[in-house]
Amino acid sequence: MASSSSPLFTSWQITLITLTTISFLSSSSFPPSAAATKQNPTSPFKKIYAFGDSFTDTGNTRSISGPSGFGHVSNSPYGITFFHRPTNRYSDGRLVIDFVTESLSLPYLPPYRVVSSNASADSTHGVNFAVAGSTAIEHEFFVKNNLSLAITPQSILSQLLWFNKFLESKGCKVGGPECKFDDALFWVGEIGVNDYAYTLGSAVPGDTIQKLGVSRVTSFLQVYDF
């Protein structure tokens, strides 16, 4: 992982909106809607790359692939009020990121697992890398502390690895001049709450979660030299 003194993507001009609600101190593709069919010519953003947990996940966690505790997401009543069917979103309709794409007149973001397994999936306007149940701290920490039963193995840093793989699949060398993201919005959604949830009642002290969680999210942000 790059440090702030030697950023990995120094040539990138990326606008990063950090809506990272880390509670450290307190404790699939779908057709675009009518509002998203015409791109807003005045918007500075033409694509979005999203990261986070269930508050942002638009389909990377599914009943067939997620932990047993997440099996309900592919069933009714999820998705009933807007898509009128389960969409593997943890909502009966849209998520905040869906409203963001609509406000920018962009299509709903396809989940990375769809993009990576389907060559015909459209990633022109961005990709969603968020995974429900994701943590700020890497999965190995929970395994080491015998807390890995039926939890999501992805963390914010493993989502970053997905992003790098996505770039490579598009022929974009990480940090290279061909990687231009002047028109990209990087959305970092809620992350960190699950770290506390998974360790609740365990011998792992809360201040350890706080320290490690902040460190991992900081590392994620420093990749972009912020």
Protein backbone atom coordinates (compact mmCIF):
# COMPACT_ATOMS: atom_id res chain seq x y z
CA MET A 1 0.00 0.00 0.00
CA ALA A 2 1.38 3.38 -0.96
CA SER A 3 2.11 5.92 1.74
CA SER A 4 1.23 9.59 1.71
CA SER A 5 4.86 10.39 0.93
CA SER A 6 4.81 8.30 -2.23
CA PRO A 7 1.21 8.27 -3.51
CA LEU A 8 0.30 5.61 -6.02
CA PHE A 9 -1.81 7.81 -8.26
CA THR A 10 -0.16 11.22 -8.10
CA SER A 11 -1.15 12.15 -11.66
CA TRP A 12 -4.82 11.57 -11.13
CA GLN A 13 -7.11 14.45 -10.50
CA ILE A 14 -9.93 12.74 -8.69
CA THR A 15 -12.75 14.30 -6.78
CA LEU A 16 -13.42 12.22 -3.71
CA ILE A 17 -16.58 12.68 -1.69
CA THR A 18 -16.02 10.91 1.60
CA LEU A 19 -19.25 10.05 3.34
CA THR A 20 -17.41 7.61 5.58
CA THR A 21 -19.48 7.13 8.69
CA ILE A 22 -17.05 5.22 10.90
CA SER A 23 -18.61 4.74 14.30
CA PHE A 24 -15.25 4.50 16.07
CA LEU A 25 -16.11 7.22 18.52
CA SER A 26 -19.52 5.86 19.45
CA SER A 27 -18.76 2.42 20.24
CA SER A 28 -27.05 -7.36 -11.54
CA SER A 29 -27.15 -4.41 -13.50
CA PHE A 30 -30.51 -2.75 -14.01
CA PRO A 31 -31.82 -0.52 -16.79
CA PRO A 32 -31.50 3.18 -15.98
CA SER A 33 -34.58 5.03 -14.85
CA ALA A 34 -36.18 7.65 -17.05
CA ALA A 35 -34.32 10.30 -15.08
CA ALA A 36 -31.00 8.66 -15.85
CA THR A 37 -31.36 8.05 -19.59
CA LYS A 38 -30.09 11.47 -20.62
CA GLN A 39 -26.69 12.47 -19.34
CA ASN A 40 -26.54 15.88 -17.71
CA PRO A 41 -24.20 17.96 -19.90
CA THR A 42 -23.51 20.40 -17.05
CA SER A 43 -22.37 17.74 -14.58
CA PRO A 44 -18.59 17.50 -14.04
CA PHE A 45 -18.98 13.78 -13.33
CA LYS A 46 -19.43 11.24 -16.11
CA LYS A 47 -18.73 8.15 -14.01
CA ILE A 48 -18.85 7.02 -10.38
CA TYR A 49 -16.76 4.46 -8.51
CA ALA A 50 -18.39 3.47 -5.23
CA PHE A 51 -17.02 1.69 -2.15
CA GLY A 52 -18.56 0.77 1.20
CA ASP A 53 -20.89 -1.75 2.85
CA SER A 54 -24.61 -2.58 2.66
CA PHE A 55 -25.55 1.11 2.61
CA THR A 56 -23.90 1.29 -0.84
CA ASP A 57 -23.85 -2.30 -2.19
CA THR A 58 -25.98 -2.63 -5.34
CA GLY A 59 -25.49 -6.36 -5.85
CA ASN A 60 -22.06 -7.67 -4.90
CA THR A 61 -23.62 -9.72 -2.09
CA ARG A 62 -26.15 -12.32 -3.18
CA SER A 63 -27.88 -15.21 -1.45
CA ILE A 64 -25.77 -17.72 -3.37
CA SER A 65 -22.46 -16.00 -2.64
CA GLY A 66 -22.84 -14.24 0.70
CA PRO A 67 -22.59 -15.56 4.26
CA SER A 68 -25.60 -17.38 5.69
CA GLY A 69 -26.68 -14.29 7.60
CA PHE A 70 -27.08 -12.38 4.34
CA GLY A 71 -29.25 -14.94 2.54
CA HIS A 72 -32.43 -12.86 2.65
CA VAL A 73 -31.23 -10.12 0.29
CA SER A 74 -32.28 -12.01 -2.85
CA ASN A 75 -35.83 -12.49 -1.61
CA SER A 76 -38.98 -10.40 -1.20
CA PRO A 77 -39.73 -7.84 0.20
CA TYR A 78 -36.33 -6.47 -0.84
CA GLY A 79 -36.72 -4.28 -3.92
CA ILE A 80 -40.50 -4.33 -3.76
CA THR A 81 -41.19 -0.56 -3.78
CA PHE A 82 -39.16 0.50 -6.81
CA PHE A 83 -37.65 -2.33 -8.83
CA HIS A 84 -40.60 -4.57 -7.90
CA ARG A 85 -38.25 -7.51 -7.40
CA PRO A 86 -35.19 -8.30 -5.28
CA THR A 87 -32.10 -6.56 -6.64
CA ASN A 88 -29.58 -7.70 -4.00
CA ARG A 89 -29.75 -4.24 -2.49
CA TYR A 90 -30.33 -4.04 1.26
CA SER A 91 -33.41 -1.91 0.77
CA ASP A 92 -37.00 -2.24 -0.38
CA GLY A 93 -36.09 0.25 -3.11
CA ARG A 94 -33.13 2.45 -3.96
CA LEU A 95 -30.03 3.33 -1.96
CA VAL A 96 -28.44 6.76 -1.54
CA ILE A 97 -25.95 5.96 -4.30
CA ASP A 98 -28.88 5.30 -6.66
CA PHE A 99 -30.25 8.78 -5.99
CA VAL A 100 -26.79 10.20 -6.58
CA THR A 101 -26.58 8.57 -10.01
CA GLU A 102 -30.05 9.84 -10.85
CA SER A 103 -29.16 13.38 -9.80
CA LEU A 104 -26.16 13.24 -12.14
CA SER A 105 -28.28 11.70 -14.91
CA LEU A 106 -26.16 8.56 -14.91
CA PRO A 107 -27.27 4.91 -15.04
CA TYR A 108 -27.40 2.86 -11.86
CA LEU A 109 -23.99 1.44 -11.04
CA PRO A 110 -23.40 -2.21 -11.92
CA PRO A 111 -21.83 -4.29 -9.13
CA TYR A 112 -18.23 -5.31 -9.72
CA ARG A 113 -19.04 -9.02 -9.54
CA VAL A 114 -21.37 -8.60 -12.50
CA VAL A 115 -18.85 -6.55 -14.46
CA SER A 116 -16.01 -8.98 -13.78
CA SER A 117 -18.02 -12.03 -14.84
CA ASN A 118 -19.95 -10.58 -17.78
CA ALA A 119 -18.02 -9.10 -20.70
CA SER A 120 -21.16 -7.37 -21.97
CA ALA A 121 -21.82 -5.50 -18.71
CA ASP A 122 -21.61 -1.74 -19.24
CA SER A 123 -19.07 -0.06 -16.97
CA THR A 124 -18.81 3.12 -19.03
CA HIS A 125 -20.30 5.24 -16.27
CA GLY A 126 -18.66 3.53 -13.33
CA VAL A 127 -18.75 0.46 -11.10
CA ASN A 128 -19.89 -0.30 -7.57
CA PHE A 129 -17.32 -2.15 -5.45
CA ALA A 130 -19.21 -1.98 -2.13
CA VAL A 131 -20.05 -5.25 -0.38
CA ALA A 132 -22.63 -5.70 2.36
CA GLY A 133 -20.99 -6.64 5.63
CA SER A 134 -17.60 -5.26 4.61
CA THR A 135 -15.20 -4.11 7.27
CA ALA A 136 -12.53 -1.47 7.53
CA ILE A 137 -10.10 -4.02 9.00
CA GLU A 138 -8.91 -6.89 6.81
CA HIS A 139 -10.60 -10.29 7.16
CA GLU A 140 -7.42 -11.95 8.44
CA PHE A 141 -7.74 -10.02 11.69
CA PHE A 142 -11.12 -11.62 12.41
CA VAL A 143 -9.84 -15.08 11.44
CA LYS A 144 -6.91 -14.66 13.84
CA ASN A 145 -9.35 -13.82 16.64
CA ASN A 146 -11.72 -16.70 15.78
CA LEU A 147 -14.42 -14.28 14.63
CA SER A 148 -14.70 -15.30 10.97
CA LEU A 149 -17.83 -17.46 11.11
CA ALA A 150 -20.41 -16.39 8.51
CA ILE A 151 -19.07 -12.88 7.96
CA THR A 152 -18.22 -11.09 4.75
CA PRO A 153 -14.53 -11.65 3.87
CA GLN A 154 -14.23 -8.35 2.00
CA SER A 155 -12.80 -5.17 3.52
CA ILE A 156 -12.36 -1.64 2.19
CA LEU A 157 -8.83 -2.56 1.06
CA SER A 158 -9.98 -5.69 -0.78
CA GLN A 159 -12.47 -3.48 -2.61
CA LEU A 160 -9.49 -1.36 -3.62
CA LEU A 161 -7.84 -4.49 -5.04
CA TRP A 162 -11.01 -5.12 -7.05
CA PHE A 163 -10.77 -1.60 -8.38
CA ASN A 164 -7.17 -2.17 -9.46
CA LYS A 165 -8.17 -5.40 -11.22
CA PHE A 166 -10.96 -3.54 -12.97
CA LEU A 167 -8.50 -0.92 -14.24
CA GLU A 168 -6.13 -3.61 -15.47
CA SER A 169 -8.97 -5.32 -17.33
CA LYS A 170 -9.51 -2.05 -19.18
CA GLY A 171 -5.85 -1.84 -20.14
CA CYS A 172 -5.17 0.88 -17.63
CA LYS A 173 -1.83 0.62 -15.88
CA VAL A 174 -2.29 1.75 -12.29
CA GLY A 175 -0.74 5.18 -11.95
CA GLY A 176 -0.11 5.43 -15.68
CA PRO A 177 -0.88 8.48 -17.82
CA GLU A 178 -3.65 6.59 -19.62
CA CYS A 179 -5.66 6.48 -16.39
CA LYS A 180 -7.56 9.75 -16.48
CA PHE A 181 -10.30 10.32 -13.92
CA ASP A 182 -10.87 14.04 -14.13
CA ASP A 183 -14.59 13.35 -14.62
CA ALA A 184 -14.90 10.59 -11.99
CA LEU A 185 -16.66 10.82 -8.66
CA PHE A 186 -15.24 8.47 -6.03
CA TRP A 187 -17.94 7.70 -3.48
CA VAL A 188 -16.74 6.21 -0.19
CA GLY A 189 -19.83 5.19 1.72
CA GLU A 190 -20.36 4.03 5.29
CA ILE A 191 -17.66 1.65 6.51
CA GLY A 192 -16.51 0.49 9.95
CA VAL A 193 -19.71 -0.35 11.81
CA ASN A 194 -19.42 -4.05 10.96
CA ASP A 195 -16.00 -4.19 12.63
CA TYR A 196 -17.72 -3.43 15.93
CA ALA A 197 -20.67 -5.73 15.22
CA TYR A 198 -18.43 -8.72 14.49
CA THR A 199 -16.39 -8.24 17.66
CA LEU A 200 -19.29 -7.49 19.99
CA GLY A 201 -19.02 -9.66 23.08
CA SER A 202 -15.54 -10.89 22.17
CA ALA A 203 -12.25 -10.33 23.96
CA VAL A 204 -11.16 -7.80 21.32
CA PRO A 205 -11.18 -4.34 22.96
CA GLY A 206 -13.02 -1.50 21.28
CA ASP A 207 -9.98 0.74 21.19
CA THR A 208 -8.17 -1.87 19.10
CA ILE A 209 -10.98 -1.76 16.54
CA GLN A 210 -10.87 2.02 16.61
CA LYS A 211 -7.12 2.18 16.02
CA LEU A 212 -6.98 -0.47 13.30
CA GLY A 213 -10.12 0.76 11.57
CA VAL A 214 -8.93 4.34 11.32
CA SER A 215 -5.55 3.11 10.09
CA ARG A 216 -7.08 1.01 7.29
CA VAL A 217 -9.42 3.74 6.06
CA THR A 218 -6.54 6.22 6.17
CA SER A 219 -4.46 3.84 4.05
CA PHE A 220 -7.32 3.60 1.58
CA LEU A 221 -7.53 7.38 1.27
CA GLN A 222 -3.77 7.84 1.05
CA VAL A 223 -3.69 5.78 -2.12
CA TYR A 224 -5.19 8.87 -3.75
CA ASP A 225 -2.86 11.24 -1.86
CA PHE A 226 -5.66 12.85 0.17
